[in-house]
Amino acid sequence: MSWNSNPIHRCVAALDVHQAKLTVCVLYEDEAGKPRMELREFGSFKRDRKAMVESDWRW
């Protein structure tokens, strides 16, 4: 993956919310300045949303 232009923010996230699941996509720049992407899926129950918040995100 490569950046097509100079990013305004070094870390951004998007949520795709459906009835049964949540998909989280995070784009960020690692310590070496390389772009990275993390894509994770979570269920829609309260315990799943709590797990999403408490996840070990790496940036």
N, C-alpha and C. Protein backbone atom coordinates (compact mmCIF):
# COMPACT_ATOMS: atom_id res chain seq x y z
N MET A 1 0.84 -1.16 0.00
CA MET A 1 0.00 0.00 0.00
C MET A 1 0.90 1.23 0.00
N SER A 2 0.48 2.28 -0.67
CA SER A 2 1.23 3.53 -0.66
C SER A 2 0.26 4.70 -0.59
N TRP A 3 0.74 5.80 -0.01
CA TRP A 3 -0.07 7.01 0.03
C TRP A 3 -0.01 7.66 -1.34
N ASN A 4 -1.13 8.15 -1.83
CA ASN A 4 -1.16 8.83 -3.11
C ASN A 4 -0.83 10.31 -3.00
N SER A 5 -0.89 10.86 -1.82
CA SER A 5 -0.58 12.26 -1.59
C SER A 5 -0.12 12.41 -0.15
N ASN A 6 0.19 13.62 0.23
CA ASN A 6 0.60 13.85 1.61
C ASN A 6 -0.63 13.81 2.51
N PRO A 7 -0.67 12.89 3.45
CA PRO A 7 -1.85 12.78 4.31
C PRO A 7 -1.95 13.95 5.28
N ILE A 8 -3.16 14.34 5.60
CA ILE A 8 -3.40 15.39 6.59
C ILE A 8 -3.25 14.80 7.99
N HIS A 9 -3.76 13.59 8.19
CA HIS A 9 -3.68 12.90 9.47
C HIS A 9 -2.88 11.61 9.28
N ARG A 10 -2.12 11.23 10.29
CA ARG A 10 -1.28 10.03 10.22
C ARG A 10 -2.01 8.77 10.65
N CYS A 11 -3.22 8.92 11.17
CA CYS A 11 -4.01 7.76 11.58
C CYS A 11 -5.49 8.10 11.43
N VAL A 12 -6.20 7.29 10.65
CA VAL A 12 -7.63 7.49 10.44
C VAL A 12 -8.34 6.14 10.54
N ALA A 13 -9.63 6.18 10.85
CA ALA A 13 -10.40 4.95 10.98
C ALA A 13 -11.76 5.12 10.32
N ALA A 14 -12.31 4.01 9.86
CA ALA A 14 -13.65 3.99 9.28
C ALA A 14 -14.40 2.81 9.88
N LEU A 15 -15.68 3.00 10.13
CA LEU A 15 -16.54 1.94 10.65
C LEU A 15 -17.62 1.64 9.62
N ASP A 16 -17.84 0.37 9.37
CA ASP A 16 -18.94 -0.09 8.52
C ASP A 16 -19.89 -0.84 9.45
N VAL A 17 -21.04 -0.27 9.71
CA VAL A 17 -21.96 -0.80 10.72
C VAL A 17 -23.13 -1.50 10.04
N HIS A 18 -23.33 -2.76 10.40
CA HIS A 18 -24.46 -3.55 9.92
C HIS A 18 -25.19 -4.11 11.13
N GLN A 19 -26.29 -4.76 10.88
CA GLN A 19 -27.10 -5.28 11.98
C GLN A 19 -26.35 -6.35 12.77
N ALA A 20 -25.61 -7.22 12.09
CA ALA A 20 -24.97 -8.34 12.77
C ALA A 20 -23.48 -8.15 13.03
N LYS A 21 -22.83 -7.18 12.38
CA LYS A 21 -21.39 -7.02 12.60
C LYS A 21 -20.94 -5.59 12.33
N LEU A 22 -19.78 -5.28 12.91
CA LEU A 22 -19.10 -4.01 12.71
C LEU A 22 -17.75 -4.31 12.09
N THR A 23 -17.39 -3.60 11.04
CA THR A 23 -16.08 -3.75 10.43
C THR A 23 -15.32 -2.45 10.67
N VAL A 24 -14.09 -2.58 11.17
CA VAL A 24 -13.26 -1.42 11.46
C VAL A 24 -12.03 -1.49 10.57
N CYS A 25 -11.76 -0.40 9.86
CA CYS A 25 -10.57 -0.29 9.02
C CYS A 25 -9.77 0.90 9.53
N VAL A 26 -8.51 0.66 9.88
CA VAL A 26 -7.64 1.72 10.38
C VAL A 26 -6.44 1.84 9.45
N LEU A 27 -6.20 3.04 8.95
CA LEU A 27 -5.02 3.34 8.15
C LEU A 27 -4.11 4.21 9.01
N TYR A 28 -2.84 3.83 9.10
CA TYR A 28 -1.91 4.59 9.93
C TYR A 28 -0.51 4.48 9.38
N GLU A 29 0.35 5.35 9.84
CA GLU A 29 1.75 5.37 9.44
C GLU A 29 2.56 4.75 10.56
N ASP A 30 3.38 3.74 10.24
CA ASP A 30 4.18 3.10 11.28
C ASP A 30 5.39 3.96 11.63
N GLU A 31 6.22 3.48 12.55
CA GLU A 31 7.37 4.25 13.01
C GLU A 31 8.37 4.54 11.91
N ALA A 32 8.42 3.70 10.88
CA ALA A 32 9.32 3.90 9.75
C ALA A 32 8.71 4.80 8.68
N GLY A 33 7.49 5.26 8.90
CA GLY A 33 6.83 6.12 7.94
C GLY A 33 6.09 5.39 6.84
N LYS A 34 5.98 4.07 6.97
CA LYS A 34 5.28 3.27 5.96
C LYS A 34 3.79 3.18 6.30
N PRO A 35 2.94 3.27 5.29
CA PRO A 35 1.50 3.15 5.54
C PRO A 35 1.12 1.71 5.89
N ARG A 36 0.24 1.57 6.84
CA ARG A 36 -0.25 0.26 7.28
C ARG A 36 -1.77 0.30 7.35
N MET A 37 -2.37 -0.88 7.29
CA MET A 37 -3.82 -0.99 7.40
C MET A 37 -4.16 -2.16 8.32
N GLU A 38 -5.11 -1.94 9.21
CA GLU A 38 -5.66 -3.02 10.04
C GLU A 38 -7.15 -3.09 9.76
N LEU A 39 -7.62 -4.30 9.53
CA LEU A 39 -9.04 -4.53 9.27
C LEU A 39 -9.52 -5.58 10.26
N ARG A 40 -10.53 -5.24 11.04
CA ARG A 40 -11.06 -6.17 12.04
C ARG A 40 -12.58 -6.17 11.99
N GLU A 41 -13.15 -7.31 12.34
CA GLU A 41 -14.61 -7.43 12.41
C GLU A 41 -15.03 -7.80 13.83
N PHE A 42 -16.14 -7.23 14.24
CA PHE A 42 -16.69 -7.47 15.57
C PHE A 42 -18.19 -7.71 15.44
N GLY A 43 -18.73 -8.45 16.38
CA GLY A 43 -20.17 -8.64 16.43
C GLY A 43 -20.87 -7.37 16.87
N SER A 44 -22.18 -7.38 16.84
CA SER A 44 -22.93 -6.16 17.17
C SER A 44 -23.49 -6.15 18.60
N PHE A 45 -23.27 -7.23 19.34
CA PHE A 45 -23.74 -7.24 20.72
C PHE A 45 -22.88 -6.32 21.58
N LYS A 46 -23.41 -5.93 22.74
CA LYS A 46 -22.70 -5.02 23.63
C LYS A 46 -21.32 -5.56 24.00
N ARG A 47 -21.22 -6.85 24.28
CA ARG A 47 -19.92 -7.44 24.65
C ARG A 47 -18.92 -7.34 23.50
N ASP A 48 -19.41 -7.44 22.25
CA ASP A 48 -18.54 -7.34 21.08
C ASP A 48 -18.06 -5.90 20.89
N ARG A 49 -18.94 -4.95 21.09
CA ARG A 49 -18.55 -3.54 20.97
C ARG A 49 -17.55 -3.17 22.06
N LYS A 50 -17.73 -3.73 23.25
CA LYS A 50 -16.78 -3.50 24.33
C LYS A 50 -15.42 -4.09 23.97
N ALA A 51 -15.41 -5.27 23.36
CA ALA A 51 -14.15 -5.89 22.92
C ALA A 51 -13.46 -5.02 21.86
N MET A 52 -14.25 -4.38 21.00
CA MET A 52 -13.68 -3.50 19.98
C MET A 52 -12.95 -2.34 20.65
N VAL A 53 -13.58 -1.73 21.64
CA VAL A 53 -12.97 -0.59 22.33
C VAL A 53 -11.72 -1.02 23.09
N GLU A 54 -11.73 -2.20 23.66
CA GLU A 54 -10.61 -2.67 24.48
C GLU A 54 -9.54 -3.40 23.67
N SER A 55 -9.69 -3.48 22.36
CA SER A 55 -8.72 -4.17 21.52
C SER A 55 -7.35 -3.51 21.60
N ASP A 56 -6.32 -4.31 21.36
CA ASP A 56 -4.95 -3.81 21.36
C ASP A 56 -4.62 -3.29 19.96
N TRP A 57 -4.94 -2.04 19.71
CA TRP A 57 -4.60 -1.42 18.43
C TRP A 57 -3.13 -1.03 18.49
N ARG A 58 -2.39 -1.19 17.41
CA ARG A 58 -0.92 -1.14 17.44
C ARG A 58 -0.28 0.23 17.21
N TRP A 59 -1.00 1.25 16.95
CA TRP A 59 -0.32 2.51 16.64
C TRP A 59 -0.02 3.25 17.86
